[in-house]
Each structure stands twice: as C-alpha cells, then as structure tokens.
Amino acid sequence: MRRHARRRIRPDGHGGYELRLPGPERALLTSLPEQLDGLLGGLDPEALDTEALPGSLARLLPAAYPRDADADAAFARSSRPELLAAQRKDLAVLAQVAKQGAATAEELEATCSALNDLRLVLGTALDVTEDPRGVDEHHPSFPQWVCYSYLSHLQEEIIEALSGILPPPAPGADDEAPDDPWGEPLGDLRWDGTPRPGR
C-alpha cells in the first residue's frame, strides 16, 4: 500500500479533505469535543477568575496579566466570552467533521484548533514538558498518553494537509480506513483520556 494511501487525512481533489478514520477514532473525536464543550459551557464568562479555573483548563484561558489581578480581571471580562465562544464552535466543528468524514479547508482549520485545545487540556493534566519520556503501559496514566499521542499525530497530519504537503489520492488507491496503531480502541475514553467508568 502506498504511504499516502494510509494517511488519515488527504485532499479529496475538489478543494476539500477526506478523513479516513476507523470507527473507534471517530467515536473518540466525537465524544471528547462534546465532553470538553460541556465543561466550557459550565463556566460563567462574566465571572472568570484565572486563579479559580479548574487546573486542567488553565492553559485554555491563561492569565493575560499574571502580575496585575485588576488588569487580568478586566481583560477576562472583555475578551474571554468571545474566546470561549470560538473554542466551543471549533469543538463542535471537530465533532461534526469526525462524524461526516469530510471537511472544507475552513473546517479543517477549526478542527486543528480544537485538537490543539484538547491537547492543551490533556497535556496540562499529564504535566507534559519538552523533554520526552517513556510511560510504562501498566502505568495508570498510560491511556492518557496514548490519547495525547494520537491527538498530536492527527494534528500534525492536518497541518501537513493544509500546507499542501500531502499528495492527492492516487488512482486506484486503497480506500479502506488505515490500520489502528494505537492499541486498545479509543472510543471509550473520556475527554481527559481516562477510561469511562466500568470499562
């Protein structure tokens, strides 16, 4: 099989993009945005105090003026409602794109942004740093690391696709979804990468 035929994202030849995702990945990319959107929807945009934010959301809504509480509060009141709305809109696009398996360039850009938000939340929970580290598969956080790696890989493919690096599908290319290299099915994970209760 040709290398580009196994890519998850590729141009469709008509100005859009095809997403070739196995079922468990579609389920994951549908459920994670919906769950994170639920958390963001529970925040009061008019009363967002940086220090009072849940730790996992801190990097999504960082302090603009960490040394000036009054200035930061004023910035939050004026800018965060719009930022929250944009983040939630991108998450909705990601969920829809995952379901339909196709996207326009604009939708793919929003998908990339939503993936980055999910990675920021998950990376904060995992305390991800620039120094790579291995995680034993028996460690409690291993499913979270698998999820983080998957989201990072998918975001990289989107960036390559939008940059025009990926070639269009070749005539006769295999249209089957790519093999799942991520081990256990991902569809039963919660937004933070942990298994759902009872799984």
C-alpha atoms as a PDB file:
ATOM      1  CA  MET A   1       0.000   0.000   0.000  1.00  0.00           C
ATOM      2  CA  ARG A   2       1.291   3.453  -0.824  1.00  0.00           C
ATOM      3  CA  ARG A   3       2.339   5.546   2.116  1.00  0.00           C
ATOM      4  CA  HIS A   4      -0.102   8.388   1.410  1.00  0.00           C
ATOM      5  CA  ALA A   5      -2.960   5.879   0.994  1.00  0.00           C
ATOM      6  CA  ARG A   6      -2.631   5.052   4.695  1.00  0.00           C
ATOM      7  CA  ARG A   7      -2.856   8.667   5.778  1.00  0.00           C
ATOM      8  CA  ARG A   8      -5.930   9.613   7.760  1.00  0.00           C
ATOM      9  CA  ILE A   9      -6.320  12.968   6.028  1.00  0.00           C
ATOM     10  CA  ARG A  10      -5.834  13.744   2.391  1.00  0.00           C
ATOM     11  CA  PRO A  11      -7.133  16.168  -0.262  1.00  0.00           C
ATOM     12  CA  ASP A  12     -10.283  14.996  -1.996  1.00  0.00           C
ATOM     13  CA  GLY A  13      -9.337  16.574  -5.322  1.00  0.00           C
ATOM     14  CA  HIS A  14     -12.153  19.140  -5.118  1.00  0.00           C
ATOM     15  CA  GLY A  15     -10.697  21.674  -2.696  1.00  0.00           C
ATOM     16  CA  GLY A  16     -11.773  19.778   0.417  1.00  0.00           C
ATOM     17  CA  TYR A  17     -10.362  16.977   2.524  1.00  0.00           C
ATOM     18  CA  GLU A  18     -11.249  13.388   3.274  1.00  0.00           C
ATOM     19  CA  LEU A  19     -10.805  11.975   6.780  1.00  0.00           C
ATOM     20  CA  ARG A  20     -10.291   8.219   6.724  1.00  0.00           C
ATOM     21  CA  LEU A  21     -10.858   7.334  10.377  1.00  0.00           C
ATOM     22  CA  PRO A  22     -11.543   3.901  11.881  1.00  0.00           C
ATOM     23  CA  GLY A  23     -14.716   3.634  13.941  1.00  0.00           C
ATOM     24  CA  PRO A  24     -13.095   3.892  17.398  1.00  0.00           C
ATOM     25  CA  GLU A  25     -11.289   7.070  16.355  1.00  0.00           C
ATOM     26  CA  ARG A  26     -14.496   8.620  15.038  1.00  0.00           C
ATOM     27  CA  ALA A  27     -16.132   7.823  18.376  1.00  0.00           C
ATOM     28  CA  LEU A  28     -13.253   9.384  20.298  1.00  0.00           C
ATOM     29  CA  LEU A  29     -13.198  12.545  18.163  1.00  0.00           C
ATOM     30  CA  THR A  30     -16.930  12.903  18.653  1.00  0.00           C
ATOM     31  CA  SER A  31     -17.066  12.312  22.397  1.00  0.00           C
ATOM     32  CA  LEU A  32     -14.001  14.293  23.526  1.00  0.00           C
ATOM     33  CA  PRO A  33     -15.138  17.620  22.000  1.00  0.00           C
ATOM     34  CA  GLU A  34     -18.652  17.168  23.373  1.00  0.00           C
ATOM     35  CA  GLN A  35     -17.335  16.496  26.875  1.00  0.00           C
ATOM     36  CA  LEU A  36     -14.873  19.403  26.867  1.00  0.00           C
ATOM     37  CA  ASP A  37     -17.601  21.647  25.463  1.00  0.00           C
ATOM     38  CA  GLY A  38     -19.745  20.658  28.432  1.00  0.00           C
ATOM     39  CA  LEU A  39     -17.035  21.822  30.806  1.00  0.00           C
ATOM     40  CA  LEU A  40     -16.549  25.106  28.965  1.00  0.00           C
ATOM     41  CA  GLY A  41     -20.298  25.636  28.813  1.00  0.00           C
ATOM     42  CA  GLY A  42     -20.432  25.365  32.576  1.00  0.00           C
ATOM     43  CA  LEU A  43     -18.144  28.352  33.034  1.00  0.00           C
ATOM     44  CA  ASP A  44     -19.600  31.796  33.603  1.00  0.00           C
ATOM     45  CA  PRO A  45     -17.803  34.033  31.072  1.00  0.00           C
ATOM     46  CA  GLU A  46     -18.700  37.109  33.080  1.00  0.00           C
ATOM     47  CA  ALA A  47     -17.120  35.811  36.272  1.00  0.00           C
ATOM     48  CA  LEU A  48     -13.972  34.042  35.134  1.00  0.00           C
ATOM     49  CA  ASP A  49     -11.214  34.317  37.691  1.00  0.00           C
ATOM     50  CA  THR A  50      -7.965  32.855  36.374  1.00  0.00           C
ATOM     51  CA  GLU A  51      -6.981  31.509  39.768  1.00  0.00           C
ATOM     52  CA  ALA A  52     -10.392  29.861  40.227  1.00  0.00           C
ATOM     53  CA  LEU A  53     -10.317  27.956  36.925  1.00  0.00           C
ATOM     54  CA  PRO A  54     -10.025  24.170  37.087  1.00  0.00           C
ATOM     55  CA  GLY A  55      -6.365  23.267  36.703  1.00  0.00           C
ATOM     56  CA  SER A  56      -6.963  21.297  33.524  1.00  0.00           C
ATOM     57  CA  LEU A  57      -8.464  24.366  31.815  1.00  0.00           C
ATOM     58  CA  ALA A  58      -5.790  26.819  32.905  1.00  0.00           C
ATOM     59  CA  ARG A  59      -3.884  26.746  29.606  1.00  0.00           C
ATOM     60  CA  LEU A  60      -7.045  27.256  27.567  1.00  0.00           C
ATOM     61  CA  LEU A  61      -7.767  30.539  29.358  1.00  0.00           C
ATOM     62  CA  PRO A  62      -4.362  31.794  30.519  1.00  0.00           C
ATOM     63  CA  ALA A  63      -3.886  34.947  32.518  1.00  0.00           C
ATOM     64  CA  ALA A  64      -3.106  37.925  30.298  1.00  0.00           C
ATOM     65  CA  TYR A  65      -1.656  39.917  33.190  1.00  0.00           C
ATOM     66  CA  PRO A  66      -0.437  37.413  35.790  1.00  0.00           C
ATOM     67  CA  ARG A  67       1.157  40.152  37.933  1.00  0.00           C
ATOM     68  CA  ASP A  68      -1.814  42.505  37.863  1.00  0.00           C
ATOM     69  CA  ALA A  69      -5.045  40.985  39.171  1.00  0.00           C
ATOM     70  CA  ASP A  70      -7.192  44.014  38.313  1.00  0.00           C
ATOM     71  CA  ALA A  71      -5.905  44.236  34.734  1.00  0.00           C
ATOM     72  CA  ASP A  72      -6.313  40.497  34.278  1.00  0.00           C
ATOM     73  CA  ALA A  73      -9.899  40.618  35.553  1.00  0.00           C
ATOM     74  CA  ALA A  74     -10.711  43.457  33.158  1.00  0.00           C
ATOM     75  CA  PHE A  75      -9.181  41.533  30.263  1.00  0.00           C
ATOM     76  CA  ALA A  76     -11.143  38.415  31.213  1.00  0.00           C
ATOM     77  CA  ARG A  77     -14.432  40.299  31.243  1.00  0.00           C
ATOM     78  CA  SER A  78     -13.788  41.886  27.848  1.00  0.00           C
ATOM     79  CA  SER A  79     -12.178  39.012  25.948  1.00  0.00           C
ATOM     80  CA  ARG A  80     -12.966  35.635  27.456  1.00  0.00           C
ATOM     81  CA  PRO A  81     -16.633  35.389  26.418  1.00  0.00           C
ATOM     82  CA  GLU A  82     -15.567  35.714  22.772  1.00  0.00           C
ATOM     83  CA  LEU A  83     -12.655  33.294  23.277  1.00  0.00           C
ATOM     84  CA  LEU A  84     -14.913  30.715  24.915  1.00  0.00           C
ATOM     85  CA  ALA A  85     -17.455  31.009  22.115  1.00  0.00           C
ATOM     86  CA  ALA A  86     -14.747  30.486  19.480  1.00  0.00           C
ATOM     87  CA  GLN A  87     -13.325  27.463  21.303  1.00  0.00           C
ATOM     88  CA  ARG A  88     -16.734  25.851  21.658  1.00  0.00           C
ATOM     89  CA  LYS A  89     -17.515  26.492  17.988  1.00  0.00           C
ATOM     90  CA  ASP A  90     -14.267  24.783  16.942  1.00  0.00           C
ATOM     91  CA  LEU A  91     -15.036  21.793  19.173  1.00  0.00           C
ATOM     92  CA  ALA A  92     -18.434  21.442  17.513  1.00  0.00           C
ATOM     93  CA  VAL A  93     -16.789  21.516  14.082  1.00  0.00           C
ATOM     94  CA  LEU A  94     -14.348  18.775  15.128  1.00  0.00           C
ATOM     95  CA  ALA A  95     -17.187  16.532  16.288  1.00  0.00           C
ATOM     96  CA  GLN A  96     -19.130  17.125  13.064  1.00  0.00           C
ATOM     97  CA  VAL A  97     -16.100  16.563  10.835  1.00  0.00           C
ATOM     98  CA  ALA A  98     -15.338  13.311  12.645  1.00  0.00           C
ATOM     99  CA  LYS A  99     -18.897  12.108  12.028  1.00  0.00           C
ATOM    100  CA  GLN A 100     -19.080  13.060   8.351  1.00  0.00           C
ATOM    101  CA  GLY A 101     -15.506  12.088   7.404  1.00  0.00           C
ATOM    102  CA  ALA A 102     -15.011  15.141   5.220  1.00  0.00           C
ATOM    103  CA  ALA A 103     -14.111  18.797   5.684  1.00  0.00           C
ATOM    104  CA  THR A 104     -13.593  22.052   3.853  1.00  0.00           C
ATOM    105  CA  ALA A 105     -10.301  23.874   4.375  1.00  0.00           C
ATOM    106  CA  GLU A 106     -12.011  26.204   6.856  1.00  0.00           C
ATOM    107  CA  GLU A 107     -13.486  23.275   8.775  1.00  0.00           C
ATOM    108  CA  LEU A 108     -10.116  21.533   8.844  1.00  0.00           C
ATOM    109  CA  GLU A 109      -8.502  24.662  10.294  1.00  0.00           C
ATOM    110  CA  ALA A 110     -11.159  24.745  13.027  1.00  0.00           C
ATOM    111  CA  THR A 111     -10.582  21.032  13.630  1.00  0.00           C
ATOM    112  CA  CYS A 112      -6.865  21.681  14.057  1.00  0.00           C
ATOM    113  CA  SER A 113      -7.599  24.433  16.575  1.00  0.00           C
ATOM    114  CA  ALA A 114      -9.959  22.172  18.542  1.00  0.00           C
ATOM    115  CA  LEU A 115      -7.383  19.380  18.605  1.00  0.00           C
ATOM    116  CA  ASN A 116      -4.857  21.822  19.986  1.00  0.00           C
ATOM    117  CA  ASP A 117      -7.272  22.805  22.766  1.00  0.00           C
ATOM    118  CA  LEU A 118      -7.823  19.149  23.660  1.00  0.00           C
ATOM    119  CA  ARG A 119      -4.052  18.586  23.672  1.00  0.00           C
ATOM    120  CA  LEU A 120      -3.515  21.580  25.951  1.00  0.00           C
ATOM    121  CA  VAL A 121      -6.054  20.288  28.457  1.00  0.00           C
ATOM    122  CA  LEU A 122      -4.723  16.745  28.361  1.00  0.00           C
ATOM    123  CA  GLY A 123      -1.098  17.910  28.360  1.00  0.00           C
ATOM    124  CA  THR A 124      -1.767  20.002  31.451  1.00  0.00           C
ATOM    125  CA  ALA A 125      -3.240  17.003  33.239  1.00  0.00           C
ATOM    126  CA  LEU A 126      -0.205  14.913  32.257  1.00  0.00           C
ATOM    127  CA  ASP A 127       2.304  17.674  33.020  1.00  0.00           C
ATOM    128  CA  VAL A 128       3.780  17.332  29.535  1.00  0.00           C
ATOM    129  CA  THR A 129       7.166  19.010  29.061  1.00  0.00           C
ATOM    130  CA  GLU A 130       9.552  19.408  26.127  1.00  0.00           C
ATOM    131  CA  ASP A 131      11.628  16.528  27.458  1.00  0.00           C
ATOM    132  CA  PRO A 132      10.328  13.252  26.008  1.00  0.00           C
ATOM    133  CA  ARG A 133       9.687  10.466  28.466  1.00  0.00           C
ATOM    134  CA  GLY A 134       8.522   6.925  28.213  1.00  0.00           C
ATOM    135  CA  VAL A 135       5.461   5.692  30.065  1.00  0.00           C
ATOM    136  CA  ASP A 136       5.051   2.065  31.017  1.00  0.00           C
ATOM    137  CA  GLU A 137       1.913   0.517  29.561  1.00  0.00           C
ATOM    138  CA  HIS A 138       0.868  -0.586  33.030  1.00  0.00           C
ATOM    139  CA  HIS A 139       1.048   2.926  34.463  1.00  0.00           C
ATOM    140  CA  PRO A 140      -2.375   4.412  35.357  1.00  0.00           C
ATOM    141  CA  SER A 141      -1.768   7.381  33.025  1.00  0.00           C
ATOM    142  CA  PHE A 142      -0.856   5.232  30.019  1.00  0.00           C
ATOM    143  CA  PRO A 143      -4.300   5.583  28.320  1.00  0.00           C
ATOM    144  CA  GLN A 144      -3.998   9.369  28.645  1.00  0.00           C
ATOM    145  CA  TRP A 145      -0.577   9.321  26.997  1.00  0.00           C
ATOM    146  CA  VAL A 146      -1.919   7.184  24.163  1.00  0.00           C
ATOM    147  CA  CYS A 147      -4.731   9.672  23.655  1.00  0.00           C
ATOM    148  CA  TYR A 148      -2.345  12.642  23.766  1.00  0.00           C
ATOM    149  CA  SER A 149      -0.022  10.981  21.225  1.00  0.00           C
ATOM    150  CA  TYR A 150      -2.942  10.225  18.926  1.00  0.00           C
ATOM    151  CA  LEU A 151      -4.263  13.795  19.024  1.00  0.00           C
ATOM    152  CA  SER A 152      -0.749  15.121  18.378  1.00  0.00           C
ATOM    153  CA  HIS A 153      -0.292  12.798  15.406  1.00  0.00           C
ATOM    154  CA  LEU A 154      -3.642  13.754  13.912  1.00  0.00           C
ATOM    155  CA  GLN A 155      -2.956  17.456  14.347  1.00  0.00           C
ATOM    156  CA  GLU A 156       0.374  17.027  12.574  1.00  0.00           C
ATOM    157  CA  GLU A 157      -1.359  15.368   9.629  1.00  0.00           C
ATOM    158  CA  ILE A 158      -3.863  18.218   9.431  1.00  0.00           C
ATOM    159  CA  ILE A 159      -1.086  20.802   9.386  1.00  0.00           C
ATOM    160  CA  GLU A 160       0.664  18.888   6.607  1.00  0.00           C
ATOM    161  CA  ALA A 161      -2.572  18.621   4.638  1.00  0.00           C
ATOM    162  CA  LEU A 162      -3.352  22.326   4.963  1.00  0.00           C
ATOM    163  CA  SER A 163       0.235  23.164   3.998  1.00  0.00           C
ATOM    164  CA  GLY A 164      -0.131  21.195   0.780  1.00  0.00           C
ATOM    165  CA  ILE A 165       2.469  18.606   1.774  1.00  0.00           C
ATOM    166  CA  LEU A 166       0.160  15.629   1.348  1.00  0.00           C
ATOM    167  CA  PRO A 167      -0.401  14.417  -2.226  1.00  0.00           C
ATOM    168  CA  PRO A 168      -3.892  13.844  -3.625  1.00  0.00           C
ATOM    169  CA  PRO A 169      -5.151  10.263  -3.658  1.00  0.00           C
ATOM    170  CA  ALA A 170      -3.626   8.166  -6.409  1.00  0.00           C
ATOM    171  CA  PRO A 171      -5.898   6.402  -8.910  1.00  0.00           C
ATOM    172  CA  GLY A 172      -6.849   3.016  -7.533  1.00  0.00           C
ATOM    173  CA  ALA A 173      -5.544   3.788  -4.044  1.00  0.00           C
ATOM    174  CA  ASP A 174      -6.907   1.580  -1.298  1.00  0.00           C
ATOM    175  CA  ASP A 175      -9.949   3.310   0.167  1.00  0.00           C
ATOM    176  CA  GLU A 176     -10.086   1.289   3.360  1.00  0.00           C
ATOM    177  CA  ALA A 177      -9.544   3.108   6.643  1.00  0.00           C
ATOM    178  CA  PRO A 178      -5.932   2.931   7.860  1.00  0.00           C
ATOM    179  CA  ASP A 179      -4.925   0.369  10.409  1.00  0.00           C
ATOM    180  CA  ASP A 180      -5.311   1.447  14.020  1.00  0.00           C
ATOM    181  CA  PRO A 181      -1.790   1.679  15.543  1.00  0.00           C
ATOM    182  CA  TRP A 182      -2.964   2.863  18.921  1.00  0.00           C
ATOM    183  CA  GLY A 183      -3.632  -0.463  20.655  1.00  0.00           C
ATOM    184  CA  GLU A 184      -6.913  -0.698  22.532  1.00  0.00           C
ATOM    185  CA  PRO A 185      -9.965   1.014  20.977  1.00  0.00           C
ATOM    186  CA  LEU A 186     -10.084   4.694  21.865  1.00  0.00           C
ATOM    187  CA  GLY A 187     -13.802   5.262  21.656  1.00  0.00           C
ATOM    188  CA  ASP A 188     -14.493   4.504  25.323  1.00  0.00           C
ATOM    189  CA  LEU A 189     -12.194   7.208  26.679  1.00  0.00           C
ATOM    190  CA  ARG A 190     -13.394  10.327  28.437  1.00  0.00           C
ATOM    191  CA  TRP A 191     -12.318  13.813  27.323  1.00  0.00           C
ATOM    192  CA  ASP A 192      -9.216  13.680  29.554  1.00  0.00           C
ATOM    193  CA  GLY A 193      -8.057  10.394  28.082  1.00  0.00           C
ATOM    194  CA  THR A 194      -9.070   8.190  31.009  1.00  0.00           C
ATOM    195  CA  PRO A 195     -11.313   5.150  30.516  1.00  0.00           C
ATOM    196  CA  ARG A 196     -15.013   5.598  31.181  1.00  0.00           C
ATOM    197  CA  PRO A 197     -16.161   4.081  34.492  1.00  0.00           C
ATOM    198  CA  GLY A 198     -16.928   0.400  34.216  1.00  0.00           C
ATOM    199  CA  ARG A 199     -14.711  -0.110  31.163  1.00  0.00           C
END
